[in-house]
Amino acid sequence: MSHPYPPVTVPRLRPLVESKIKSMNISILSVNEHRVAQKHASPGPNGTSLLHREGNVCTLNHYCFVGSHRQSASGGTGFFIQNGLAFNDISATFPTGGEATFIEVTIFSEIYLFGSIYLPRSDKKKEFDFLQNILKHIEAERDRWDHFVLCGDFNARHLHWNDIQTG
């Protein structure tokens, strides 16, 4: 299904994203297929990049970014996290075999696990195994977190989305 909105150039997108996040008072925002490759993470000649690059961290005004980068300009998982909100990037403690970012955040003495997962539809068995391994890992470590939230682009299919392809 095609995207219902016309393409927006990065110089026009950045203020829109920042404005929307701020107006909704969002503290943590999961992003998938953000198309931020390491080579695209630096500001352009006029500072027009959606993300600024500072060492190993990309930032959006008032937010830091933690997540994956690809060599190409597509794909990726991650989170924009409001500055001042403490978090731990625990992605390396999770099973490999796919693309995902995991963070821990303590809010009012309760520990939350947030996961941002991307399943590209290229190898369904591999992707299912990857997701199943993530869920097994969460189950094995369930006493570590009070709550967990999994977000992502799972490339799910459903008739309600006019996606009648099966298999």
Foldseek 3Di string as FASTA:
>chain_A
DDDPDDDDDQQVVQVVVVVVCVVVVDFKDKDWFPQDAVVQQDQDPVRRRSWHDDPPWTARVQWIWDWDHDNGRTTIITMTGGPPFDKDWPVVVADDQAGKTWIWGADPNFIEIEMEGEDPPPDVVSSVVRVVRRVVVCVVCVVVGPYYYYDYCNVDDDVVVVRPDDD
